[in-house]
């Protein structure tokens, strides 16, 4: 586990713009080095805010969108096109306006898809899709994502891994069905912590006063079962991107000496 790096921005708008610029650079670097890039998207207000900022960034055209693989960290198990699905919101925020290869946009199954309401079967299918995309160099049953982004919930949940629930305890499977989530809808699909930790870089996004306590708990040595965000880290880098409100309860020892 590497030591998390923290960047604190003045407000959520600046955080989204700076994160978008950072993501463009990371994608372009990966495409230059390996020919393609792989990114895991997150939903919620911070994830969608970043995508919207990316869509309006002047440098967005530096990305070769046709050579970008997009995955999701979790999804609400709802019908295709439901406005609450992360993929629906991502399409509205950015994806429909850029020249992606449809075969490289890996949405999680919907509840009216080929697996019907069998969320475990849908999760297994997504795990199989991830495994098929992983090469020998990945040393895991998921690709080595270049960047995996996660929103941090007020209860410290990431993806759909909620404190104390079975999904956060999973150590073998890469994707699981989630039942009884404490926020609606109760049924979801989520990457597990082992899948998250296969990423080269994990970025955790937190903005707003309602995220302050969660950030402080996760960054102060809490266990991952009680605080799932504490167990989310990348192989080479773990980056926390916060606004000043979300960082307001961090111990001063953790606060970065220079922030934007």
C-alpha atoms as a PDB file:
ATOM      1  CA  UNK A   1       0.000   0.000   0.000  1.00  0.00           C
ATOM      2  CA  UNK A   2       1.387   3.413  -0.968  1.00  0.00           C
ATOM      3  CA  UNK A   3       0.946   6.584   1.049  1.00  0.00           C
ATOM      4  CA  UNK A   4      -2.006   8.618  -0.243  1.00  0.00           C
ATOM      5  CA  UNK A   5      -1.249  11.985  -1.805  1.00  0.00           C
ATOM      6  CA  UNK A   6      -3.662  14.820  -1.086  1.00  0.00           C
ATOM      7  CA  UNK A   7      -4.545  17.829  -3.227  1.00  0.00           C
ATOM      8  CA  UNK A   8      -6.991  20.340  -1.792  1.00  0.00           C
ATOM      9  CA  UNK A   9      -8.737  22.854  -4.060  1.00  0.00           C
ATOM     10  CA  UNK A  10     -10.581  26.007  -3.110  1.00  0.00           C
ATOM     11  CA  UNK A  11     -14.009  24.774  -4.211  1.00  0.00           C
ATOM     12  CA  UNK A  12     -15.696  21.900  -6.050  1.00  0.00           C
ATOM     13  CA  UNK A  13     -15.707  23.694  -9.411  1.00  0.00           C
ATOM     14  CA  UNK A  14     -11.956  24.231  -9.341  1.00  0.00           C
ATOM     15  CA  UNK A  15     -11.493  20.666  -8.122  1.00  0.00           C
ATOM     16  CA  UNK A  16     -13.459  19.320 -11.100  1.00  0.00           C
ATOM     17  CA  UNK A  17     -11.538  21.444 -13.602  1.00  0.00           C
ATOM     18  CA  UNK A  18      -8.155  20.523 -12.152  1.00  0.00           C
ATOM     19  CA  UNK A  19      -9.059  16.828 -11.964  1.00  0.00           C
ATOM     20  CA  UNK A  20     -10.210  16.913 -15.602  1.00  0.00           C
ATOM     21  CA  UNK A  21      -6.915  18.477 -16.676  1.00  0.00           C
ATOM     22  CA  UNK A  22      -5.018  15.884 -14.662  1.00  0.00           C
ATOM     23  CA  UNK A  23      -7.026  13.067 -16.255  1.00  0.00           C
ATOM     24  CA  UNK A  24      -6.394  14.345 -19.780  1.00  0.00           C
ATOM     25  CA  UNK A  25      -2.656  14.315 -19.110  1.00  0.00           C
ATOM     26  CA  UNK A  26      -2.770  10.820 -17.640  1.00  0.00           C
ATOM     27  CA  UNK A  27      -4.761   9.415 -20.579  1.00  0.00           C
ATOM     28  CA  UNK A  28      -2.520  11.055 -23.185  1.00  0.00           C
ATOM     29  CA  UNK A  29       0.593   9.759 -21.416  1.00  0.00           C
ATOM     30  CA  UNK A  30      -0.810   6.211 -21.316  1.00  0.00           C
ATOM     31  CA  UNK A  31      -1.798   6.318 -24.980  1.00  0.00           C
ATOM     32  CA  UNK A  32       1.649   7.569 -25.911  1.00  0.00           C
ATOM     33  CA  UNK A  33       3.316   4.807 -23.909  1.00  0.00           C
ATOM     34  CA  UNK A  34       1.088   1.834 -24.713  1.00  0.00           C
ATOM     35  CA  UNK A  35      -1.206   2.880 -27.564  1.00  0.00           C
ATOM     36  CA  UNK A  36      -4.374   2.900 -25.460  1.00  0.00           C
ATOM     37  CA  UNK A  37      -5.636   3.884 -22.035  1.00  0.00           C
ATOM     38  CA  UNK A  38      -8.069   2.361 -19.569  1.00  0.00           C
ATOM     39  CA  UNK A  39     -10.140   4.403 -17.113  1.00  0.00           C
ATOM     40  CA  UNK A  40     -12.758   3.428 -14.538  1.00  0.00           C
ATOM     41  CA  UNK A  41     -15.466   6.040 -14.106  1.00  0.00           C
ATOM     42  CA  UNK A  42     -17.450   6.921 -11.007  1.00  0.00           C
ATOM     43  CA  UNK A  43     -20.900   8.448 -10.729  1.00  0.00           C
ATOM     44  CA  UNK A  44     -22.329  10.901  -8.252  1.00  0.00           C
ATOM     45  CA  UNK A  45     -22.035  14.638  -8.234  1.00  0.00           C
ATOM     46  CA  UNK A  46     -18.237  14.680  -8.153  1.00  0.00           C
ATOM     47  CA  UNK A  47     -17.757  12.052 -10.847  1.00  0.00           C
ATOM     48  CA  UNK A  48     -20.275  13.689 -13.158  1.00  0.00           C
ATOM     49  CA  UNK A  49     -18.846  17.126 -12.378  1.00  0.00           C
ATOM     50  CA  UNK A  50     -15.433  15.923 -13.495  1.00  0.00           C
ATOM     51  CA  UNK A  51     -16.864  14.524 -16.742  1.00  0.00           C
ATOM     52  CA  UNK A  52     -18.678  17.781 -17.466  1.00  0.00           C
ATOM     53  CA  UNK A  53     -15.450  19.719 -16.833  1.00  0.00           C
ATOM     54  CA  UNK A  54     -13.596  17.326 -19.123  1.00  0.00           C
ATOM     55  CA  UNK A  55     -16.159  17.935 -21.853  1.00  0.00           C
ATOM     56  CA  UNK A  56     -15.578  21.684 -21.755  1.00  0.00           C
ATOM     57  CA  UNK A  57     -11.784  21.514 -21.355  1.00  0.00           C
ATOM     58  CA  UNK A  58      -9.900  22.974 -24.354  1.00  0.00           C
ATOM     59  CA  UNK A  59      -7.365  20.133 -24.168  1.00  0.00           C
ATOM     60  CA  UNK A  60      -9.937  17.346 -24.406  1.00  0.00           C
ATOM     61  CA  UNK A  61      -9.105  16.864 -28.093  1.00  0.00           C
ATOM     62  CA  UNK A  62      -5.598  15.790 -27.116  1.00  0.00           C
ATOM     63  CA  UNK A  63      -7.170  12.444 -26.193  1.00  0.00           C
ATOM     64  CA  UNK A  64      -7.615   9.825 -28.901  1.00  0.00           C
ATOM     65  CA  UNK A  65     -11.076   8.829 -27.755  1.00  0.00           C
ATOM     66  CA  UNK A  66     -11.152   5.816 -30.087  1.00  0.00           C
ATOM     67  CA  UNK A  67      -8.282   4.272 -28.119  1.00  0.00           C
ATOM     68  CA  UNK A  68      -9.819   4.680 -24.677  1.00  0.00           C
ATOM     69  CA  UNK A  69     -11.437   1.865 -22.700  1.00  0.00           C
ATOM     70  CA  UNK A  70     -14.046   2.966 -20.180  1.00  0.00           C
ATOM     71  CA  UNK A  71     -15.239   0.821 -17.288  1.00  0.00           C
ATOM     72  CA  UNK A  72     -17.368   1.540 -14.230  1.00  0.00           C
ATOM     73  CA  UNK A  73     -16.654   1.011 -10.550  1.00  0.00           C
ATOM     74  CA  UNK A  74     -20.282   0.360  -9.744  1.00  0.00           C
ATOM     75  CA  UNK A  75     -23.761   0.669 -11.129  1.00  0.00           C
ATOM     76  CA  UNK A  76     -27.318   0.904  -9.905  1.00  0.00           C
ATOM     77  CA  UNK A  77     -29.127  -2.260 -11.034  1.00  0.00           C
ATOM     78  CA  UNK A  78     -31.896  -0.498 -12.904  1.00  0.00           C
ATOM     79  CA  UNK A  79     -33.313  -0.707 -16.450  1.00  0.00           C
ATOM     80  CA  UNK A  80     -31.259   0.482 -19.416  1.00  0.00           C
ATOM     81  CA  UNK A  81     -31.568   4.246 -19.866  1.00  0.00           C
ATOM     82  CA  UNK A  82     -32.803   4.871 -16.329  1.00  0.00           C
ATOM     83  CA  UNK A  83     -31.726   8.405 -15.367  1.00  0.00           C
ATOM     84  CA  UNK A  84     -30.285   7.099 -12.088  1.00  0.00           C
ATOM     85  CA  UNK A  85     -27.836   4.746 -13.793  1.00  0.00           C
ATOM     86  CA  UNK A  86     -24.239   5.954 -13.752  1.00  0.00           C
ATOM     87  CA  UNK A  87     -23.767   5.179 -17.435  1.00  0.00           C
ATOM     88  CA  UNK A  88     -26.837   7.242 -18.361  1.00  0.00           C
ATOM     89  CA  UNK A  89     -25.501  10.224 -16.436  1.00  0.00           C
ATOM     90  CA  UNK A  90     -22.011   9.785 -17.901  1.00  0.00           C
ATOM     91  CA  UNK A  91     -23.410   9.776 -21.430  1.00  0.00           C
ATOM     92  CA  UNK A  92     -25.235  13.033 -20.755  1.00  0.00           C
ATOM     93  CA  UNK A  93     -22.227  14.648 -19.086  1.00  0.00           C
ATOM     94  CA  UNK A  94     -19.630  13.677 -21.698  1.00  0.00           C
ATOM     95  CA  UNK A  95     -19.698  10.351 -23.505  1.00  0.00           C
ATOM     96  CA  UNK A  96     -22.286  11.211 -26.143  1.00  0.00           C
ATOM     97  CA  UNK A  97     -20.208  14.194 -27.257  1.00  0.00           C
ATOM     98  CA  UNK A  98     -16.899  12.440 -27.958  1.00  0.00           C
ATOM     99  CA  UNK A  99     -15.863   9.876 -30.584  1.00  0.00           C
ATOM    100  CA  UNK A 100     -15.587   6.770 -28.435  1.00  0.00           C
ATOM    101  CA  UNK A 101     -15.434   3.269 -29.869  1.00  0.00           C
ATOM    102  CA  UNK A 102     -18.720   1.707 -28.634  1.00  0.00           C
ATOM    103  CA  UNK A 103     -16.979  -1.648 -28.216  1.00  0.00           C
ATOM    104  CA  UNK A 104     -14.644  -0.050 -25.672  1.00  0.00           C
ATOM    105  CA  UNK A 105     -17.399   1.405 -23.482  1.00  0.00           C
ATOM    106  CA  UNK A 106     -17.971  -1.338 -20.930  1.00  0.00           C
ATOM    107  CA  UNK A 107     -21.223  -0.518 -19.153  1.00  0.00           C
ATOM    108  CA  UNK A 108     -22.370  -2.809 -16.374  1.00  0.00           C
ATOM    109  CA  UNK A 109     -25.492  -4.863 -17.177  1.00  0.00           C
ATOM    110  CA  UNK A 110     -28.946  -3.371 -16.640  1.00  0.00           C
ATOM    111  CA  UNK A 111     -31.797  -5.036 -14.799  1.00  0.00           C
ATOM    112  CA  UNK A 112     -33.718  -5.479 -18.055  1.00  0.00           C
ATOM    113  CA  UNK A 113     -30.716  -6.936 -19.878  1.00  0.00           C
ATOM    114  CA  UNK A 114     -29.868 -10.554 -20.699  1.00  0.00           C
ATOM    115  CA  UNK A 115     -29.580 -11.522 -17.024  1.00  0.00           C
ATOM    116  CA  UNK A 116     -32.940 -10.082 -16.016  1.00  0.00           C
ATOM    117  CA  UNK A 117     -33.156  -9.351 -12.330  1.00  0.00           C
ATOM    118  CA  UNK A 118     -30.369 -11.821 -11.468  1.00  0.00           C
ATOM    119  CA  UNK A 119     -27.828  -9.341 -10.159  1.00  0.00           C
ATOM    120  CA  UNK A 120     -25.293 -12.030  -9.252  1.00  0.00           C
ATOM    121  CA  UNK A 121     -25.335 -13.358 -12.827  1.00  0.00           C
ATOM    122  CA  UNK A 122     -24.894  -9.806 -14.117  1.00  0.00           C
ATOM    123  CA  UNK A 123     -21.933  -9.307 -11.775  1.00  0.00           C
ATOM    124  CA  UNK A 124     -20.355 -12.575 -12.937  1.00  0.00           C
ATOM    125  CA  UNK A 125     -20.745 -11.489 -16.565  1.00  0.00           C
ATOM    126  CA  UNK A 126     -18.967  -8.196 -15.879  1.00  0.00           C
ATOM    127  CA  UNK A 127     -16.190 -10.053 -14.071  1.00  0.00           C
ATOM    128  CA  UNK A 128     -15.808 -12.265 -17.134  1.00  0.00           C
ATOM    129  CA  UNK A 129     -15.616  -9.207 -19.390  1.00  0.00           C
ATOM    130  CA  UNK A 130     -12.888  -7.747 -17.205  1.00  0.00           C
ATOM    131  CA  UNK A 131     -10.977 -11.018 -17.203  1.00  0.00           C
ATOM    132  CA  UNK A 132     -11.168 -11.227 -20.997  1.00  0.00           C
ATOM    133  CA  UNK A 133      -9.650  -7.741 -21.256  1.00  0.00           C
ATOM    134  CA  UNK A 134      -6.772  -8.551 -18.900  1.00  0.00           C
ATOM    135  CA  UNK A 135      -3.491  -9.531 -20.520  1.00  0.00           C
ATOM    136  CA  UNK A 136      -0.621 -11.627 -19.119  1.00  0.00           C
ATOM    137  CA  UNK A 137       1.162  -8.423 -18.158  1.00  0.00           C
ATOM    138  CA  UNK A 138      -1.675  -7.462 -15.825  1.00  0.00           C
ATOM    139  CA  UNK A 139      -1.004 -10.310 -13.374  1.00  0.00           C
ATOM    140  CA  UNK A 140      -4.653 -10.198 -12.329  1.00  0.00           C
ATOM    141  CA  UNK A 141      -8.131 -11.069 -13.574  1.00  0.00           C
ATOM    142  CA  UNK A 142      -8.808  -7.431 -14.387  1.00  0.00           C
ATOM    143  CA  UNK A 143      -6.893  -4.983 -16.612  1.00  0.00           C
ATOM    144  CA  UNK A 144      -4.303  -2.713 -15.031  1.00  0.00           C
ATOM    145  CA  UNK A 145      -6.489   0.371 -15.224  1.00  0.00           C
ATOM    146  CA  UNK A 146      -4.507   3.556 -15.767  1.00  0.00           C
ATOM    147  CA  UNK A 147      -6.859   5.552 -13.540  1.00  0.00           C
ATOM    148  CA  UNK A 148      -9.698   4.285 -11.385  1.00  0.00           C
ATOM    149  CA  UNK A 149     -11.864   7.048  -9.939  1.00  0.00           C
ATOM    150  CA  UNK A 150     -14.062   6.736  -6.878  1.00  0.00           C
ATOM    151  CA  UNK A 151     -16.440   9.121  -5.191  1.00  0.00           C
ATOM    152  CA  UNK A 152     -16.354   9.009  -1.398  1.00  0.00           C
ATOM    153  CA  UNK A 153     -19.715   8.852   0.354  1.00  0.00           C
ATOM    154  CA  UNK A 154     -20.514  10.571   3.661  1.00  0.00           C
ATOM    155  CA  UNK A 155     -20.409   7.114   5.273  1.00  0.00           C
ATOM    156  CA  UNK A 156     -16.968   6.417   3.685  1.00  0.00           C
ATOM    157  CA  UNK A 157     -18.390   4.075   1.032  1.00  0.00           C
ATOM    158  CA  UNK A 158     -16.691   3.846  -2.350  1.00  0.00           C
ATOM    159  CA  UNK A 159     -18.209   2.270  -5.468  1.00  0.00           C
ATOM    160  CA  UNK A 160     -21.061   0.301  -3.859  1.00  0.00           C
ATOM    161  CA  UNK A 161     -18.911  -1.028  -1.041  1.00  0.00           C
ATOM    162  CA  UNK A 162     -20.666   0.082   2.132  1.00  0.00           C
ATOM    163  CA  UNK A 163     -19.300  -0.191   5.679  1.00  0.00           C
ATOM    164  CA  UNK A 164     -19.728  -3.635   7.244  1.00  0.00           C
ATOM    165  CA  UNK A 165     -21.738  -5.097   4.324  1.00  0.00           C
ATOM    166  CA  UNK A 166     -20.588  -8.381   2.714  1.00  0.00           C
ATOM    167  CA  UNK A 167     -19.270  -6.786  -0.484  1.00  0.00           C
ATOM    168  CA  UNK A 168     -16.500  -4.886   1.299  1.00  0.00           C
ATOM    169  CA  UNK A 169     -15.288  -8.147   2.847  1.00  0.00           C
ATOM    170  CA  UNK A 170     -14.890  -9.900  -0.520  1.00  0.00           C
ATOM    171  CA  UNK A 171     -11.316 -11.035  -1.156  1.00  0.00           C
ATOM    172  CA  UNK A 172     -11.624 -13.378  -4.161  1.00  0.00           C
ATOM    173  CA  UNK A 173     -14.188 -12.103  -6.671  1.00  0.00           C
ATOM    174  CA  UNK A 174     -13.608  -8.930  -8.686  1.00  0.00           C
ATOM    175  CA  UNK A 175     -17.279  -7.979  -9.145  1.00  0.00           C
ATOM    176  CA  UNK A 176     -20.222  -8.665  -6.841  1.00  0.00           C
ATOM    177  CA  UNK A 177     -23.913  -8.052  -6.634  1.00  0.00           C
ATOM    178  CA  UNK A 178     -24.876  -5.812  -3.740  1.00  0.00           C
ATOM    179  CA  UNK A 179     -28.114  -6.333  -1.841  1.00  0.00           C
ATOM    180  CA  UNK A 180     -29.602  -4.067   0.794  1.00  0.00           C
ATOM    181  CA  UNK A 181     -27.498  -0.984   0.069  1.00  0.00           C
ATOM    182  CA  UNK A 182     -28.331   1.695   2.663  1.00  0.00           C
ATOM    183  CA  UNK A 183     -29.061   4.261  -0.044  1.00  0.00           C
ATOM    184  CA  UNK A 184     -31.460   3.670  -2.934  1.00  0.00           C
ATOM    185  CA  UNK A 185     -31.614   1.670  -5.028  1.00  0.00           C
ATOM    186  CA  UNK A 186     -30.748  -1.245  -2.721  1.00  0.00           C
ATOM    187  CA  UNK A 187     -29.544  -3.561  -5.511  1.00  0.00           C
ATOM    188  CA  UNK A 188     -26.289  -2.712  -7.264  1.00  0.00           C
ATOM    189  CA  UNK A 189     -23.209  -4.118  -8.983  1.00  0.00           C
ATOM    190  CA  UNK A 190     -19.774  -3.186  -7.715  1.00  0.00           C
ATOM    191  CA  UNK A 191     -16.092  -3.802  -8.210  1.00  0.00           C
ATOM    192  CA  UNK A 192     -14.496  -5.221  -5.091  1.00  0.00           C
ATOM    193  CA  UNK A 193     -11.435  -3.949  -3.266  1.00  0.00           C
ATOM    194  CA  UNK A 194      -9.146  -6.522  -4.985  1.00  0.00           C
ATOM    195  CA  UNK A 195     -10.280  -5.236  -8.389  1.00  0.00           C
ATOM    196  CA  UNK A 196      -9.851  -1.617  -7.322  1.00  0.00           C
ATOM    197  CA  UNK A 197      -6.326  -2.298  -6.097  1.00  0.00           C
ATOM    198  CA  UNK A 198      -5.313  -3.658  -9.511  1.00  0.00           C
ATOM    199  CA  UNK A 199      -5.378  -0.100 -10.887  1.00  0.00           C
ATOM    200  CA  UNK A 200      -2.144   1.742 -11.463  1.00  0.00           C
ATOM    201  CA  UNK A 201      -3.672   4.860  -9.938  1.00  0.00           C
ATOM    202  CA  UNK A 202      -6.727   5.255  -7.718  1.00  0.00           C
ATOM    203  CA  UNK A 203      -8.221   8.725  -7.391  1.00  0.00           C
ATOM    204  CA  UNK A 204     -10.722   9.424  -4.621  1.00  0.00           C
ATOM    205  CA  UNK A 205     -12.939  12.470  -5.110  1.00  0.00           C
ATOM    206  CA  UNK A 206     -14.580  14.295  -2.230  1.00  0.00           C
ATOM    207  CA  UNK A 207     -16.192  17.733  -2.235  1.00  0.00           C
ATOM    208  CA  UNK A 208     -18.568  19.369   0.206  1.00  0.00           C
ATOM    209  CA  UNK A 209     -18.942  19.616   3.970  1.00  0.00           C
ATOM    210  CA  UNK A 210     -20.896  16.354   4.056  1.00  0.00           C
ATOM    211  CA  UNK A 211     -17.720  14.514   2.982  1.00  0.00           C
ATOM    212  CA  UNK A 212     -15.415  16.067   5.601  1.00  0.00           C
ATOM    213  CA  UNK A 213     -15.877  13.481   8.327  1.00  0.00           C
ATOM    214  CA  UNK A 214     -15.591  10.600   5.870  1.00  0.00           C
ATOM    215  CA  UNK A 215     -12.300  11.929   4.490  1.00  0.00           C
ATOM    216  CA  UNK A 216     -10.896  12.420   7.977  1.00  0.00           C
ATOM    217  CA  UNK A 217     -11.882   8.902   9.062  1.00  0.00           C
ATOM    218  CA  UNK A 218     -10.557   7.189   5.927  1.00  0.00           C
ATOM    219  CA  UNK A 219      -7.243   9.041   6.052  1.00  0.00           C
ATOM    220  CA  UNK A 220      -6.656   8.559   9.764  1.00  0.00           C
ATOM    221  CA  UNK A 221      -5.979   4.839   9.888  1.00  0.00           C
ATOM    222  CA  UNK A 222      -9.491   3.389   9.928  1.00  0.00           C
ATOM    223  CA  UNK A 223     -10.018  -0.205   8.861  1.00  0.00           C
ATOM    224  CA  UNK A 224     -11.472  -0.897   5.423  1.00  0.00           C
ATOM    225  CA  UNK A 225     -14.432  -2.903   6.740  1.00  0.00           C
ATOM    226  CA  UNK A 226     -15.614   0.087   8.774  1.00  0.00           C
ATOM    227  CA  UNK A 227     -14.399   2.671   6.254  1.00  0.00           C
ATOM    228  CA  UNK A 228     -14.189   1.210   2.726  1.00  0.00           C
ATOM    229  CA  UNK A 229     -12.462   4.316   1.357  1.00  0.00           C
ATOM    230  CA  UNK A 230      -9.482   3.451   3.558  1.00  0.00           C
ATOM    231  CA  UNK A 231      -9.032   0.233   1.592  1.00  0.00           C
ATOM    232  CA  UNK A 232      -9.050   1.850  -1.849  1.00  0.00           C
ATOM    233  CA  UNK A 233      -5.537   2.350  -3.143  1.00  0.00           C
ATOM    234  CA  UNK A 234      -3.614   1.960  -6.381  1.00  0.00           C
ATOM    235  CA  UNK A 235      -0.542  -0.091  -7.214  1.00  0.00           C
ATOM    236  CA  UNK A 236       1.627   2.937  -7.949  1.00  0.00           C
ATOM    237  CA  UNK A 237      -0.379   5.924  -6.694  1.00  0.00           C
ATOM    238  CA  UNK A 238      -3.325   6.829  -4.517  1.00  0.00           C
ATOM    239  CA  UNK A 239      -4.577  10.374  -4.953  1.00  0.00           C
ATOM    240  CA  UNK A 240      -7.210  12.137  -2.874  1.00  0.00           C
ATOM    241  CA  UNK A 241      -8.714  15.158  -4.652  1.00  0.00           C
ATOM    242  CA  UNK A 242     -10.702  17.320  -2.267  1.00  0.00           C
ATOM    243  CA  UNK A 243     -12.179  20.764  -1.986  1.00  0.00           C
ATOM    244  CA  UNK A 244     -11.569  22.900   1.091  1.00  0.00           C
ATOM    245  CA  UNK A 245     -14.899  21.930   2.642  1.00  0.00           C
ATOM    246  CA  UNK A 246     -14.204  18.200   2.378  1.00  0.00           C
ATOM    247  CA  UNK A 247     -10.705  18.719   3.804  1.00  0.00           C
ATOM    248  CA  UNK A 248     -11.897  20.841   6.717  1.00  0.00           C
ATOM    249  CA  UNK A 249     -11.687  18.063   9.326  1.00  0.00           C
ATOM    250  CA  UNK A 250      -8.382  16.547   8.250  1.00  0.00           C
ATOM    251  CA  UNK A 251      -5.679  16.481  10.924  1.00  0.00           C
ATOM    252  CA  UNK A 252      -3.151  19.192  10.181  1.00  0.00           C
ATOM    253  CA  UNK A 253      -0.441  16.546   9.885  1.00  0.00           C
ATOM    254  CA  UNK A 254      -2.229  15.190   6.804  1.00  0.00           C
ATOM    255  CA  UNK A 255      -2.980  18.493   5.166  1.00  0.00           C
ATOM    256  CA  UNK A 256      -0.745  18.999   2.109  1.00  0.00           C
ATOM    257  CA  UNK A 257       1.757  21.834   2.443  1.00  0.00           C
ATOM    258  CA  UNK A 258       0.792  23.326  -0.925  1.00  0.00           C
ATOM    259  CA  UNK A 259      -2.612  22.983  -2.537  1.00  0.00           C
ATOM    260  CA  UNK A 260      -4.316  24.594  -5.493  1.00  0.00           C
END
